[in-house]
Amino acid sequence: MGDNMSIKPSVLAAAFVVSVGSAQAESHRTDAQAEFVFNGVELSISTGFEQSATYAARFAAIAPDCATACIGGPTAAAGVQTLVEPEVLEFLAQIVGKNQGLLVDARLPKGREMGFIPGSVSLPAETVGPDSEFRDDILKALGARAFEDVFNFADAQSLVVYDSGPTQHDAKALITNLLAAGYPPEKIRYYRGGMQVWAVLGLTIQE
């Protein structure tokens, strides 16, 4: 993927805008599989990923962002549903694959370089923070409509947000920022397991 840490926020925002709306229909899901088209590419996710042990060790070694070992709670925010893996697969096949929503990776580019869920887009939490100059453009890319600095989220995309897993808090930070900007909680879902659980279960990972 190259040195993503050198990407400027403006480039990141532009790349995100290009990604929105790129998914296409023709998708289906089984209990442990999702097949769909995203960015013009046919993607397939299933268990039995050959390199799963390598990725599981990689994500297990991530240090938590607090002084002592910590595990995040089961929910991200009031009104935001927490999903498990079959529900994420269904979201990819039935929502992302039909261009009705996005699976959002809240990690910084350096974290995403370690591996990501196929069909997801990169949107670090900081890019929609209250001090981000790109926040409004990103909200519009997500489908929100602005009128005199007031956003209407009626047509905004449905989102599932994830990060590296229960010991990281980028996903919760992104959800907090989205809610603060007015994004409706019923349009946001949280995949708590993140890359840590995804890899342990042997699900397909891209890098």
C-alpha atoms as a PDB file:
ATOM      1  CA  MET A   1       0.000   0.000   0.000  1.00  0.00           C
ATOM      2  CA  GLY A   2       2.981   2.276   0.255  1.00  0.00           C
ATOM      3  CA  ASP A   3       3.886   4.700   3.011  1.00  0.00           C
ATOM      4  CA  ASN A   4       0.402   5.729   4.112  1.00  0.00           C
ATOM      5  CA  MET A   5       1.797   7.801   6.958  1.00  0.00           C
ATOM      6  CA  SER A   6       2.908  10.370   4.373  1.00  0.00           C
ATOM      7  CA  ILE A   7      -0.624  10.926   3.093  1.00  0.00           C
ATOM      8  CA  LYS A   8      -1.812  14.443   3.810  1.00  0.00           C
ATOM      9  CA  PRO A   9      -5.293  14.931   5.337  1.00  0.00           C
ATOM     10  CA  SER A  10      -6.529  16.612   2.153  1.00  0.00           C
ATOM     11  CA  VAL A  11      -5.436  13.625   0.069  1.00  0.00           C
ATOM     12  CA  LEU A  12      -6.999  11.257   2.578  1.00  0.00           C
ATOM     13  CA  ALA A  13     -10.294  13.123   2.404  1.00  0.00           C
ATOM     14  CA  ALA A  14     -10.229  13.106  -1.385  1.00  0.00           C
ATOM     15  CA  ALA A  15      -9.478   9.377  -1.485  1.00  0.00           C
ATOM     16  CA  PHE A  16     -12.353   8.717   0.877  1.00  0.00           C
ATOM     17  CA  VAL A  17     -14.753  10.681  -1.313  1.00  0.00           C
ATOM     18  CA  VAL A  18     -13.743   8.534  -4.296  1.00  0.00           C
ATOM     19  CA  SER A  19     -14.433   5.361  -2.295  1.00  0.00           C
ATOM     20  CA  VAL A  20     -17.966   6.359  -1.325  1.00  0.00           C
ATOM     21  CA  GLY A  21     -20.573   4.977  -3.684  1.00  0.00           C
ATOM     22  CA  SER A  22     -18.190   2.522  -5.339  1.00  0.00           C
ATOM     23  CA  ALA A  23     -19.903  -0.648  -4.181  1.00  0.00           C
ATOM     24  CA  GLN A  24     -22.224  -2.461  -6.564  1.00  0.00           C
ATOM     25  CA  ALA A  25     -25.053  -4.947  -6.223  1.00  0.00           C
ATOM     26  CA  GLU A  26     -25.100  -8.695  -6.937  1.00  0.00           C
ATOM     27  CA  SER A  27     -24.123 -10.057  -3.527  1.00  0.00           C
ATOM     28  CA  HIS A  28     -25.018 -12.881  -1.197  1.00  0.00           C
ATOM     29  CA  ARG A  29     -23.986 -14.318   2.148  1.00  0.00           C
ATOM     30  CA  THR A  30     -23.820 -17.606   3.969  1.00  0.00           C
ATOM     31  CA  ASP A  31     -23.124 -17.978   7.684  1.00  0.00           C
ATOM     32  CA  ALA A  32     -19.339 -17.814   7.217  1.00  0.00           C
ATOM     33  CA  GLN A  33     -18.993 -16.246   3.806  1.00  0.00           C
ATOM     34  CA  ALA A  34     -19.708 -13.002   1.971  1.00  0.00           C
ATOM     35  CA  GLU A  35     -19.329 -12.358  -1.747  1.00  0.00           C
ATOM     36  CA  PHE A  36     -19.899  -8.894  -3.169  1.00  0.00           C
ATOM     37  CA  VAL A  37     -18.542  -6.297  -5.580  1.00  0.00           C
ATOM     38  CA  PHE A  38     -16.712  -3.265  -4.188  1.00  0.00           C
ATOM     39  CA  ASN A  39     -14.785  -0.649  -6.169  1.00  0.00           C
ATOM     40  CA  GLY A  40     -15.446  -2.715  -9.264  1.00  0.00           C
ATOM     41  CA  VAL A  41     -13.710  -5.765  -7.777  1.00  0.00           C
ATOM     42  CA  GLU A  42     -15.372  -9.029  -6.803  1.00  0.00           C
ATOM     43  CA  LEU A  43     -14.524  -9.795  -3.178  1.00  0.00           C
ATOM     44  CA  SER A  44     -15.007 -12.997  -1.228  1.00  0.00           C
ATOM     45  CA  ILE A  45     -14.665 -13.440   2.521  1.00  0.00           C
ATOM     46  CA  SER A  46     -14.678 -16.834   4.192  1.00  0.00           C
ATOM     47  CA  THR A  47     -13.076 -18.742   7.040  1.00  0.00           C
ATOM     48  CA  GLY A  48      -9.920 -20.793   6.597  1.00  0.00           C
ATOM     49  CA  PHE A  49      -7.693 -17.893   5.540  1.00  0.00           C
ATOM     50  CA  GLU A  50      -4.230 -19.459   5.180  1.00  0.00           C
ATOM     51  CA  GLN A  51      -2.334 -16.620   6.863  1.00  0.00           C
ATOM     52  CA  SER A  52      -4.778 -16.202   9.743  1.00  0.00           C
ATOM     53  CA  ALA A  53      -2.270 -17.361  12.380  1.00  0.00           C
ATOM     54  CA  THR A  54       0.256 -14.754  11.237  1.00  0.00           C
ATOM     55  CA  TYR A  55      -2.312 -11.975  11.408  1.00  0.00           C
ATOM     56  CA  ALA A  56      -3.739 -13.196  14.718  1.00  0.00           C
ATOM     57  CA  ALA A  57      -0.263 -12.985  16.271  1.00  0.00           C
ATOM     58  CA  ARG A  58       0.297  -9.574  14.699  1.00  0.00           C
ATOM     59  CA  PHE A  59      -2.890  -8.040  16.108  1.00  0.00           C
ATOM     60  CA  ALA A  60      -2.540  -9.789  19.468  1.00  0.00           C
ATOM     61  CA  ALA A  61       0.802  -8.016  19.905  1.00  0.00           C
ATOM     62  CA  ILE A  62      -0.748  -4.546  19.616  1.00  0.00           C
ATOM     63  CA  ALA A  63      -0.240  -2.641  22.860  1.00  0.00           C
ATOM     64  CA  PRO A  64      -3.415  -1.132  24.325  1.00  0.00           C
ATOM     65  CA  ASP A  65      -3.631   2.650  24.446  1.00  0.00           C
ATOM     66  CA  CYS A  66      -3.832   2.848  28.240  1.00  0.00           C
ATOM     67  CA  ALA A  67      -1.237   2.443  30.953  1.00  0.00           C
ATOM     68  CA  THR A  68      -2.338  -1.050  32.023  1.00  0.00           C
ATOM     69  CA  ALA A  69      -4.025  -3.847  30.069  1.00  0.00           C
ATOM     70  CA  CYS A  70      -7.555  -2.765  29.257  1.00  0.00           C
ATOM     71  CA  ILE A  71     -10.534  -4.153  27.394  1.00  0.00           C
ATOM     72  CA  GLY A  72     -13.224  -1.879  26.029  1.00  0.00           C
ATOM     73  CA  GLY A  73     -16.854  -2.282  26.996  1.00  0.00           C
ATOM     74  CA  PRO A  74     -19.467  -4.022  24.845  1.00  0.00           C
ATOM     75  CA  THR A  75     -21.008  -0.846  23.445  1.00  0.00           C
ATOM     76  CA  ALA A  76     -19.639   2.258  21.745  1.00  0.00           C
ATOM     77  CA  ALA A  77     -22.414   4.746  22.529  1.00  0.00           C
ATOM     78  CA  ALA A  78     -26.085   4.884  23.395  1.00  0.00           C
ATOM     79  CA  GLY A  79     -28.266   3.870  20.472  1.00  0.00           C
ATOM     80  CA  VAL A  80     -25.367   2.326  18.500  1.00  0.00           C
ATOM     81  CA  GLN A  81     -25.770  -1.414  17.935  1.00  0.00           C
ATOM     82  CA  THR A  82     -22.786  -3.717  18.493  1.00  0.00           C
ATOM     83  CA  LEU A  83     -22.303  -6.406  15.838  1.00  0.00           C
ATOM     84  CA  VAL A  84     -20.690  -9.841  15.761  1.00  0.00           C
ATOM     85  CA  GLU A  85     -18.971 -11.402  12.769  1.00  0.00           C
ATOM     86  CA  PRO A  86     -21.971 -12.991  10.956  1.00  0.00           C
ATOM     87  CA  GLU A  87     -23.724  -9.624  11.134  1.00  0.00           C
ATOM     88  CA  VAL A  88     -20.673  -7.866   9.663  1.00  0.00           C
ATOM     89  CA  LEU A  89     -20.611 -10.398   6.811  1.00  0.00           C
ATOM     90  CA  GLU A  90     -24.301  -9.813   6.198  1.00  0.00           C
ATOM     91  CA  PHE A  91     -23.750  -6.048   6.213  1.00  0.00           C
ATOM     92  CA  LEU A  92     -20.989  -6.390   3.619  1.00  0.00           C
ATOM     93  CA  ALA A  93     -23.037  -8.614   1.337  1.00  0.00           C
ATOM     94  CA  GLN A  94     -26.441  -6.991   1.703  1.00  0.00           C
ATOM     95  CA  ILE A  95     -25.641  -3.338   2.433  1.00  0.00           C
ATOM     96  CA  VAL A  96     -22.122  -2.525   1.163  1.00  0.00           C
ATOM     97  CA  GLY A  97     -22.602  -4.778  -1.852  1.00  0.00           C
ATOM     98  CA  LYS A  98     -25.780  -2.884  -2.751  1.00  0.00           C
ATOM     99  CA  ASN A  99     -24.192   0.543  -2.282  1.00  0.00           C
ATOM    100  CA  GLN A 100     -26.326   1.336   0.759  1.00  0.00           C
ATOM    101  CA  GLY A 101     -23.608   1.605   3.392  1.00  0.00           C
ATOM    102  CA  LEU A 102     -19.920   1.448   4.273  1.00  0.00           C
ATOM    103  CA  LEU A 103     -17.673  -0.643   6.481  1.00  0.00           C
ATOM    104  CA  VAL A 104     -15.359   1.953   8.033  1.00  0.00           C
ATOM    105  CA  ASP A 105     -11.849   1.351   9.384  1.00  0.00           C
ATOM    106  CA  ALA A 106     -11.227   3.982  12.087  1.00  0.00           C
ATOM    107  CA  ARG A 107      -7.485   3.305  12.442  1.00  0.00           C
ATOM    108  CA  LEU A 108      -4.698   5.558  11.236  1.00  0.00           C
ATOM    109  CA  PRO A 109      -3.042   4.502   7.944  1.00  0.00           C
ATOM    110  CA  LYS A 110      -0.153   2.839   9.809  1.00  0.00           C
ATOM    111  CA  GLY A 111      -2.626   0.549  11.566  1.00  0.00           C
ATOM    112  CA  ARG A 112      -4.497  -0.223   8.359  1.00  0.00           C
ATOM    113  CA  GLU A 113      -1.222  -1.262   6.687  1.00  0.00           C
ATOM    114  CA  MET A 114      -1.123  -4.213   9.082  1.00  0.00           C
ATOM    115  CA  GLY A 115      -4.205  -5.687   7.407  1.00  0.00           C
ATOM    116  CA  PHE A 116      -7.848  -4.776   6.925  1.00  0.00           C
ATOM    117  CA  ILE A 117     -11.255  -6.288   6.222  1.00  0.00           C
ATOM    118  CA  PRO A 118     -11.936  -6.522   2.472  1.00  0.00           C
ATOM    119  CA  GLY A 119     -14.517  -3.993   1.311  1.00  0.00           C
ATOM    120  CA  SER A 120     -13.762  -1.478   4.052  1.00  0.00           C
ATOM    121  CA  VAL A 121     -12.755   2.164   3.634  1.00  0.00           C
ATOM    122  CA  SER A 122     -10.264   4.118   5.718  1.00  0.00           C
ATOM    123  CA  LEU A 123     -11.644   6.951   7.847  1.00  0.00           C
ATOM    124  CA  PRO A 124      -9.427   7.738  10.858  1.00  0.00           C
ATOM    125  CA  ALA A 125     -11.278   9.132  13.833  1.00  0.00           C
ATOM    126  CA  GLU A 126      -9.384  12.433  13.712  1.00  0.00           C
ATOM    127  CA  THR A 127     -10.688  13.300  10.233  1.00  0.00           C
ATOM    128  CA  VAL A 128     -14.185  14.012  11.565  1.00  0.00           C
ATOM    129  CA  GLY A 129     -13.121  15.549  14.868  1.00  0.00           C
ATOM    130  CA  PRO A 130     -14.538  18.955  15.810  1.00  0.00           C
ATOM    131  CA  ASP A 131     -11.276  20.676  14.828  1.00  0.00           C
ATOM    132  CA  SER A 132     -10.853  18.913  11.476  1.00  0.00           C
ATOM    133  CA  GLU A 133     -11.071  21.193   8.456  1.00  0.00           C
ATOM    134  CA  PHE A 134     -12.186  18.192   6.390  1.00  0.00           C
ATOM    135  CA  ARG A 135     -15.082  17.148   8.619  1.00  0.00           C
ATOM    136  CA  ASP A 136     -17.850  18.824   6.602  1.00  0.00           C
ATOM    137  CA  ASP A 137     -16.544  17.481   3.294  1.00  0.00           C
ATOM    138  CA  ILE A 138     -16.394  13.971   4.720  1.00  0.00           C
ATOM    139  CA  LEU A 139     -19.919  14.221   6.136  1.00  0.00           C
ATOM    140  CA  LYS A 140     -21.129  15.268   2.683  1.00  0.00           C
ATOM    141  CA  ALA A 141     -19.248  12.335   1.149  1.00  0.00           C
ATOM    142  CA  LEU A 142     -21.133  10.104   3.574  1.00  0.00           C
ATOM    143  CA  GLY A 143     -24.412  11.415   2.158  1.00  0.00           C
ATOM    144  CA  ALA A 144     -25.274  14.221   4.562  1.00  0.00           C
ATOM    145  CA  ARG A 145     -26.701  17.389   3.018  1.00  0.00           C
ATOM    146  CA  ALA A 146     -25.787  20.837   4.311  1.00  0.00           C
ATOM    147  CA  PHE A 147     -27.959  23.941   4.300  1.00  0.00           C
ATOM    148  CA  GLU A 148     -26.560  27.076   5.920  1.00  0.00           C
ATOM    149  CA  ASP A 149     -24.148  25.019   8.076  1.00  0.00           C
ATOM    150  CA  VAL A 150     -26.939  22.697   9.244  1.00  0.00           C
ATOM    151  CA  PHE A 151     -26.657  19.048   8.203  1.00  0.00           C
ATOM    152  CA  ASN A 152     -29.527  16.791   7.209  1.00  0.00           C
ATOM    153  CA  PHE A 153     -28.595  13.110   7.608  1.00  0.00           C
ATOM    154  CA  ALA A 154     -31.756  11.596   6.116  1.00  0.00           C
ATOM    155  CA  ASP A 155     -29.799  10.231   3.135  1.00  0.00           C
ATOM    156  CA  ALA A 156     -26.553   9.521   4.975  1.00  0.00           C
ATOM    157  CA  GLN A 157     -24.922   6.123   4.535  1.00  0.00           C
ATOM    158  CA  SER A 158     -25.369   3.342   7.074  1.00  0.00           C
ATOM    159  CA  LEU A 159     -21.999   2.639   8.704  1.00  0.00           C
ATOM    160  CA  VAL A 160     -20.283  -0.194  10.535  1.00  0.00           C
ATOM    161  CA  VAL A 161     -17.164   1.055  12.323  1.00  0.00           C
ATOM    162  CA  TYR A 162     -14.232  -1.071  13.482  1.00  0.00           C
ATOM    163  CA  ASP A 163     -10.573  -0.834  14.551  1.00  0.00           C
ATOM    164  CA  SER A 164      -7.989  -3.343  15.765  1.00  0.00           C
ATOM    165  CA  GLY A 165     -10.252  -4.743  18.472  1.00  0.00           C
ATOM    166  CA  PRO A 166     -11.362  -4.521  22.106  1.00  0.00           C
ATOM    167  CA  THR A 167      -8.021  -3.116  23.323  1.00  0.00           C
ATOM    168  CA  GLN A 168      -8.128  -0.158  20.937  1.00  0.00           C
ATOM    169  CA  HIS A 169     -10.494   2.801  20.992  1.00  0.00           C
ATOM    170  CA  ASP A 170     -10.252   4.365  17.532  1.00  0.00           C
ATOM    171  CA  ALA A 171     -13.678   3.025  16.545  1.00  0.00           C
ATOM    172  CA  LYS A 172     -15.317   4.477  19.635  1.00  0.00           C
ATOM    173  CA  ALA A 173     -13.551   7.799  19.035  1.00  0.00           C
ATOM    174  CA  LEU A 174     -14.816   7.930  15.449  1.00  0.00           C
ATOM    175  CA  ILE A 175     -18.350   7.066  16.540  1.00  0.00           C
ATOM    176  CA  THR A 176     -18.192   9.768  19.221  1.00  0.00           C
ATOM    177  CA  ASN A 177     -17.065  12.331  16.632  1.00  0.00           C
ATOM    178  CA  LEU A 178     -19.775  11.302  14.170  1.00  0.00           C
ATOM    179  CA  LEU A 179     -22.475  11.558  16.821  1.00  0.00           C
ATOM    180  CA  ALA A 180     -21.166  14.966  17.913  1.00  0.00           C
ATOM    181  CA  ALA A 181     -21.464  16.126  14.300  1.00  0.00           C
ATOM    182  CA  GLY A 182     -25.114  15.075  14.281  1.00  0.00           C
ATOM    183  CA  TYR A 183     -24.872  11.645  12.638  1.00  0.00           C
ATOM    184  CA  PRO A 184     -27.890   9.587  13.755  1.00  0.00           C
ATOM    185  CA  PRO A 185     -26.968   6.695  16.073  1.00  0.00           C
ATOM    186  CA  GLU A 186     -29.380   4.386  14.254  1.00  0.00           C
ATOM    187  CA  LYS A 187     -27.234   4.771  11.117  1.00  0.00           C
ATOM    188  CA  ILE A 188     -24.062   3.653  12.939  1.00  0.00           C
ATOM    189  CA  ARG A 189     -23.095   0.170  14.105  1.00  0.00           C
ATOM    190  CA  TYR A 190     -19.988  -0.967  15.965  1.00  0.00           C
ATOM    191  CA  TYR A 191     -17.939  -4.083  15.250  1.00  0.00           C
ATOM    192  CA  ARG A 192     -16.228  -4.531  18.611  1.00  0.00           C
ATOM    193  CA  GLY A 193     -14.160  -7.606  17.697  1.00  0.00           C
ATOM    194  CA  GLY A 194     -12.146  -5.710  15.089  1.00  0.00           C
ATOM    195  CA  MET A 195      -9.057  -7.171  13.472  1.00  0.00           C
ATOM    196  CA  GLN A 196      -8.076  -9.125  16.583  1.00  0.00           C
ATOM    197  CA  VAL A 197     -11.167 -11.341  16.581  1.00  0.00           C
ATOM    198  CA  TRP A 198     -11.504 -11.299  12.772  1.00  0.00           C
ATOM    199  CA  ALA A 199      -8.002 -12.798  12.443  1.00  0.00           C
ATOM    200  CA  VAL A 200      -8.485 -15.358  15.212  1.00  0.00           C
ATOM    201  CA  LEU A 201     -11.615 -16.640  13.452  1.00  0.00           C
ATOM    202  CA  GLY A 202      -9.619 -17.133  10.246  1.00  0.00           C
ATOM    203  CA  LEU A 203     -11.625 -14.693   8.140  1.00  0.00           C
ATOM    204  CA  THR A 204     -10.125 -13.210   4.981  1.00  0.00           C
ATOM    205  CA  ILE A 205      -7.778 -10.219   5.423  1.00  0.00           C
ATOM    206  CA  GLN A 206      -6.280  -7.881   2.827  1.00  0.00           C
ATOM    207  CA  GLU A 207      -3.093  -5.880   3.134  1.00  0.00           C
END
